[in-house]
C-alpha atoms as a PDB file:
ATOM      1  CA  MET A   1     -75.233 127.949  25.752  1.00  0.00           C
ATOM      2  CA  ARG A   2     -74.738 124.870  27.807  1.00  0.00           C
ATOM      3  CA  ASN A   3     -70.984 125.356  27.827  1.00  0.00           C
ATOM      4  CA  ALA A   4     -71.149 128.579  28.893  1.00  0.00           C
ATOM      5  CA  LEU A   5     -73.406 127.365  31.821  1.00  0.00           C
ATOM      6  CA  VAL A   6     -70.708 124.523  32.667  1.00  0.00           C
ATOM      7  CA  LEU A   7     -67.997 127.174  32.603  1.00  0.00           C
ATOM      8  CA  CYS A   8     -69.860 129.425  35.296  1.00  0.00           C
ATOM      9  CA  CYS A   9     -70.504 126.582  37.364  1.00  0.00           C
ATOM     10  CA  LEU A  10     -66.843 125.895  37.601  1.00  0.00           C
ATOM     11  CA  LEU A  11     -65.930 129.157  38.216  1.00  0.00           C
ATOM     12  CA  LEU A  12     -67.905 129.364  41.389  1.00  0.00           C
ATOM     13  CA  VAL A  13     -66.178 126.125  42.375  1.00  0.00           C
ATOM     14  CA  PRO A  14     -63.844 126.957  45.396  1.00  0.00           C
ATOM     15  CA  ALA A  15     -60.136 127.378  43.777  1.00  0.00           C
ATOM     16  CA  SER A  16     -58.705 125.016  46.550  1.00  0.00           C
ATOM     17  CA  LEU A  17     -60.179 122.295  44.694  1.00  0.00           C
ATOM     18  CA  PHE A  18     -58.208 122.626  41.663  1.00  0.00           C
ATOM     19  CA  ALA A  19     -55.024 123.645  43.874  1.00  0.00           C
ATOM     20  CA  GLN A  20     -52.615 121.432  45.472  1.00  0.00           C
ATOM     21  CA  GLY A  21     -55.098 120.271  48.156  1.00  0.00           C
ATOM     22  CA  ALA A  22     -58.723 119.457  48.815  1.00  0.00           C
ATOM     23  CA  SER A  23     -60.368 118.046  51.638  1.00  0.00           C
ATOM     24  CA  VAL A  24     -63.193 115.259  51.220  1.00  0.00           C
ATOM     25  CA  ALA A  25     -65.031 113.118  53.392  1.00  0.00           C
ATOM     26  CA  PHE A  26     -64.508 109.310  53.092  1.00  0.00           C
ATOM     27  CA  GLY A  27     -66.498 106.221  53.688  1.00  0.00           C
ATOM     28  CA  GLY A  28     -69.546 107.956  55.307  1.00  0.00           C
ATOM     29  CA  ILE A  29     -68.970 106.291  58.560  1.00  0.00           C
ATOM     30  CA  ARG A  30     -66.023 106.120  60.820  1.00  0.00           C
ATOM     31  CA  GLN A  31     -63.820 103.039  60.930  1.00  0.00           C
ATOM     32  CA  ASP A  32     -63.280 100.915  64.115  1.00  0.00           C
ATOM     33  CA  THR A  33     -59.489 100.683  63.680  1.00  0.00           C
ATOM     34  CA  SER A  34     -59.066  98.203  66.789  1.00  0.00           C
ATOM     35  CA  LYS A  35     -61.330  95.575  64.770  1.00  0.00           C
ATOM     36  CA  PRO A  36     -59.240  92.437  63.894  1.00  0.00           C
ATOM     37  CA  VAL A  37     -57.521  92.435  60.323  1.00  0.00           C
ATOM     38  CA  GLU A  38     -58.555  89.524  57.875  1.00  0.00           C
ATOM     39  CA  LEU A  39     -56.392  88.841  55.142  1.00  0.00           C
ATOM     40  CA  SER A  40     -56.409  86.395  52.435  1.00  0.00           C
ATOM     41  CA  ALA A  41     -54.053  85.750  49.093  1.00  0.00           C
ATOM     42  CA  ASP A  42     -52.856  83.147  46.864  1.00  0.00           C
ATOM     43  CA  ALA A  43     -49.307  83.075  48.359  1.00  0.00           C
ATOM     44  CA  LEU A  44     -47.365  84.112  51.845  1.00  0.00           C
ATOM     45  CA  SER A  45     -43.727  84.567  52.821  1.00  0.00           C
ATOM     46  CA  VAL A  46     -42.809  85.412  56.140  1.00  0.00           C
ATOM     47  CA  ASP A  47     -39.549  86.787  56.939  1.00  0.00           C
ATOM     48  CA  GLN A  48     -39.352  86.732  61.047  1.00  0.00           C
ATOM     49  CA  ASP A  49     -35.750  87.896  61.196  1.00  0.00           C
ATOM     50  CA  ASN A  50     -37.370  91.295  59.510  1.00  0.00           C
ATOM     51  CA  ASN A  51     -40.790  90.990  61.435  1.00  0.00           C
ATOM     52  CA  THR A  52     -42.531  91.031  58.290  1.00  0.00           C
ATOM     53  CA  ALA A  53     -44.763  88.823  56.161  1.00  0.00           C
ATOM     54  CA  VAL A  54     -45.602  89.246  52.380  1.00  0.00           C
ATOM     55  CA  PHE A  55     -48.958  88.377  50.688  1.00  0.00           C
ATOM     56  CA  THR A  56     -49.069  88.018  47.073  1.00  0.00           C
ATOM     57  CA  GLY A  57     -51.705  87.389  44.637  1.00  0.00           C
ATOM     58  CA  ASN A  58     -55.307  88.640  44.624  1.00  0.00           C
ATOM     59  CA  VAL A  59     -54.870  90.010  48.097  1.00  0.00           C
ATOM     60  CA  VAL A  60     -58.013  90.902  49.992  1.00  0.00           C
ATOM     61  CA  ILE A  61     -57.776  92.666  53.303  1.00  0.00           C
ATOM     62  CA  GLY A  62     -60.772  93.348  55.650  1.00  0.00           C
ATOM     63  CA  GLN A  63     -61.275  95.430  58.790  1.00  0.00           C
ATOM     64  CA  GLY A  64     -64.966  96.122  59.765  1.00  0.00           C
ATOM     65  CA  GLU A  65     -66.663  97.979  57.203  1.00  0.00           C
ATOM     66  CA  MET A  66     -63.067  98.674  55.199  1.00  0.00           C
ATOM     67  CA  ARG A  67     -62.022  96.398  52.530  1.00  0.00           C
ATOM     68  CA  LEU A  68     -58.758  96.870  50.539  1.00  0.00           C
ATOM     69  CA  GLY A  69     -57.463  94.951  47.655  1.00  0.00           C
ATOM     70  CA  ALA A  70     -53.982  94.792  45.973  1.00  0.00           C
ATOM     71  CA  GLN A  71     -51.541  92.369  44.128  1.00  0.00           C
ATOM     72  CA  GLN A  72     -48.964  92.591  47.115  1.00  0.00           C
ATOM     73  CA  VAL A  73     -49.268  93.616  50.840  1.00  0.00           C
ATOM     74  CA  ARG A  74     -46.066  93.849  52.925  1.00  0.00           C
ATOM     75  CA  VAL A  75     -47.233  93.423  56.451  1.00  0.00           C
ATOM     76  CA  VAL A  76     -44.854  94.606  59.236  1.00  0.00           C
ATOM     77  CA  TYR A  77     -45.158  93.370  62.915  1.00  0.00           C
ATOM     78  CA  ASN A  78     -44.083  94.959  66.024  1.00  0.00           C
ATOM     79  CA  GLN A  79     -40.897  93.577  67.832  1.00  0.00           C
ATOM     80  CA  ASP A  80     -42.468  90.782  69.383  1.00  0.00           C
ATOM     81  CA  GLN A  81     -44.469  89.874  66.622  1.00  0.00           C
ATOM     82  CA  SER A  82     -47.668  90.138  68.594  1.00  0.00           C
ATOM     83  CA  ARG A  83     -49.622  93.063  66.592  1.00  0.00           C
ATOM     84  CA  ILE A  84     -49.635  94.301  63.078  1.00  0.00           C
ATOM     85  CA  ARG A  85     -47.885  97.824  62.990  1.00  0.00           C
ATOM     86  CA  ARG A  86     -48.584  98.804  59.340  1.00  0.00           C
ATOM     87  CA  LEU A  87     -49.635  97.223  56.031  1.00  0.00           C
ATOM     88  CA  GLU A  88     -48.005  98.260  52.750  1.00  0.00           C
ATOM     89  CA  ALA A  89     -49.870  97.635  49.592  1.00  0.00           C
ATOM     90  CA  THR A  90     -49.019  97.789  46.028  1.00  0.00           C
ATOM     91  CA  GLY A  91     -50.302  96.957  42.306  1.00  0.00           C
ATOM     92  CA  GLY A  92     -53.625  98.126  41.504  1.00  0.00           C
ATOM     93  CA  VAL A  93     -54.526  98.776  45.475  1.00  0.00           C
ATOM     94  CA  THR A  94     -58.399  99.476  45.874  1.00  0.00           C
ATOM     95  CA  LEU A  95     -59.723 100.831  49.043  1.00  0.00           C
ATOM     96  CA  VAL A  96     -63.681 100.323  49.891  1.00  0.00           C
ATOM     97  CA  SER A  97     -65.480 101.968  52.715  1.00  0.00           C
ATOM     98  CA  GLY A  98     -69.070 102.486  52.887  1.00  0.00           C
ATOM     99  CA  PRO A  99     -70.166 104.036  49.647  1.00  0.00           C
ATOM    100  CA  ASP A 100     -66.765 105.278  48.587  1.00  0.00           C
ATOM    101  CA  ALA A 101     -64.101 103.906  46.820  1.00  0.00           C
ATOM    102  CA  ALA A 102     -60.343 104.718  45.801  1.00  0.00           C
ATOM    103  CA  GLU A 103     -57.770 103.286  43.704  1.00  0.00           C
ATOM    104  CA  ALA A 104     -54.208 103.910  43.642  1.00  0.00           C
ATOM    105  CA  GLU A 105     -50.785 102.309  43.081  1.00  0.00           C
ATOM    106  CA  ARG A 106     -49.595 102.019  46.403  1.00  0.00           C
ATOM    107  CA  ALA A 107     -51.377 102.598  50.013  1.00  0.00           C
ATOM    108  CA  ASP A 108     -49.565 102.511  53.336  1.00  0.00           C
ATOM    109  CA  TYR A 109     -51.970 101.815  56.168  1.00  0.00           C
ATOM    110  CA  ASP A 110     -50.447 102.711  60.087  1.00  0.00           C
ATOM    111  CA  ILE A 111     -52.853 100.580  62.014  1.00  0.00           C
ATOM    112  CA  ASP A 112     -52.275 102.331  65.368  1.00  0.00           C
ATOM    113  CA  SER A 113     -53.169 105.813  64.226  1.00  0.00           C
ATOM    114  CA  GLY A 114     -55.956 104.623  61.634  1.00  0.00           C
ATOM    115  CA  VAL A 115     -54.111 106.522  58.510  1.00  0.00           C
ATOM    116  CA  VAL A 116     -54.167 105.326  55.327  1.00  0.00           C
ATOM    117  CA  VAL A 117     -51.704 106.860  52.729  1.00  0.00           C
ATOM    118  CA  MET A 118     -52.708 106.230  48.911  1.00  0.00           C
ATOM    119  CA  SER A 119     -50.075 107.561  46.179  1.00  0.00           C
ATOM    120  CA  GLY A 120     -49.632 107.263  42.569  1.00  0.00           C
ATOM    121  CA  ASN A 121     -52.844 108.047  40.121  1.00  0.00           C
ATOM    122  CA  VAL A 122     -55.444 108.551  43.006  1.00  0.00           C
ATOM    123  CA  LEU A 123     -58.952 108.097  41.793  1.00  0.00           C
ATOM    124  CA  LEU A 124     -61.753 108.742  44.497  1.00  0.00           C
ATOM    125  CA  THR A 125     -65.157 107.884  43.293  1.00  0.00           C
ATOM    126  CA  GLN A 126     -68.220 108.979  45.698  1.00  0.00           C
ATOM    127  CA  GLY A 127     -71.300 108.286  43.841  1.00  0.00           C
ATOM    128  CA  SER A 128     -71.328 109.838  40.360  1.00  0.00           C
ATOM    129  CA  ASN A 129     -68.303 112.324  41.484  1.00  0.00           C
ATOM    130  CA  ALA A 130     -64.778 111.504  40.561  1.00  0.00           C
ATOM    131  CA  LEU A 131     -61.786 113.232  42.115  1.00  0.00           C
ATOM    132  CA  THR A 132     -58.189 112.499  41.095  1.00  0.00           C
ATOM    133  CA  SER A 133     -54.950 113.461  42.770  1.00  0.00           C
ATOM    134  CA  ASP A 134     -51.259 112.517  43.095  1.00  0.00           C
ATOM    135  CA  GLU A 135     -51.734 111.521  46.917  1.00  0.00           C
ATOM    136  CA  MET A 136     -54.741 111.115  49.411  1.00  0.00           C
ATOM    137  CA  THR A 137     -54.699 110.813  53.312  1.00  0.00           C
ATOM    138  CA  VAL A 138     -57.388 109.138  54.892  1.00  0.00           C
ATOM    139  CA  ASN A 139     -57.951 109.128  58.541  1.00  0.00           C
ATOM    140  CA  LEU A 140     -60.178 106.030  58.993  1.00  0.00           C
ATOM    141  CA  ASN A 141     -61.031 107.172  62.856  1.00  0.00           C
ATOM    142  CA  THR A 142     -62.792 110.581  61.634  1.00  0.00           C
ATOM    143  CA  GLY A 143     -63.749 109.593  58.179  1.00  0.00           C
ATOM    144  CA  ALA A 144     -61.977 112.753  56.874  1.00  0.00           C
ATOM    145  CA  ALA A 145     -59.524 112.536  53.547  1.00  0.00           C
ATOM    146  CA  GLN A 146     -56.890 115.117  52.187  1.00  0.00           C
ATOM    147  CA  MET A 147     -56.081 114.977  48.609  1.00  0.00           C
ATOM    148  CA  GLN A 148     -52.926 116.560  47.727  1.00  0.00           C
ATOM    149  CA  GLY A 149     -50.938 117.189  44.232  1.00  0.00           C
ATOM    150  CA  ARG A 150     -52.812 118.343  41.236  1.00  0.00           C
ATOM    151  CA  VAL A 151     -56.339 117.657  42.650  1.00  0.00           C
ATOM    152  CA  LYS A 152     -58.879 117.466  39.556  1.00  0.00           C
ATOM    153  CA  THR A 153     -62.567 116.754  39.565  1.00  0.00           C
ATOM    154  CA  ILE A 154     -65.773 116.525  37.278  1.00  0.00           C
ATOM    155  CA  LEU A 155     -68.664 118.128  38.324  1.00  0.00           C
ATOM    156  CA  GLN A 156     -71.704 116.301  37.441  1.00  0.00           C
ATOM    157  CA  GLN A 157     -74.479 118.552  36.762  1.00  0.00           C
ATOM    158  CA  GLN A 158     -78.513 117.811  37.210  1.00  0.00           C
ATOM    159  CA  GLU A 159     -80.412 117.804  34.375  1.00  0.00           C
END
């Protein structure tokens, strides 16, 4: 009986959630992408010819309410090295904003647009709900996220 009830509930879920893409809210609040970016890591390597810096080992990045952790983050600066253009995180990437958290193999954060693209075994947790996909794009300015590539979820039933 319980399995039949769960199956009926799953049939009522919009098909788009299990298809190639799903839209979800992320972070519960909008992120101010103009705030300073703080980075800490075990080691740093700078390549001024390529306008890049690579932080390695227990990297933690903070900007406003958002936190991103990874084993390695490549920072790409603009031509005169006065601003960060993008962050490329790899190795056990975790993104936390408000009550939501996401994990992936990689995350690319375009600072100017406020867009983070997470890829590789993406897991998004929101309270007791979890969604997985191949890729998730988060717009930190709006708090909206789009998941693509075999989106799956587990629906928690109230008892």
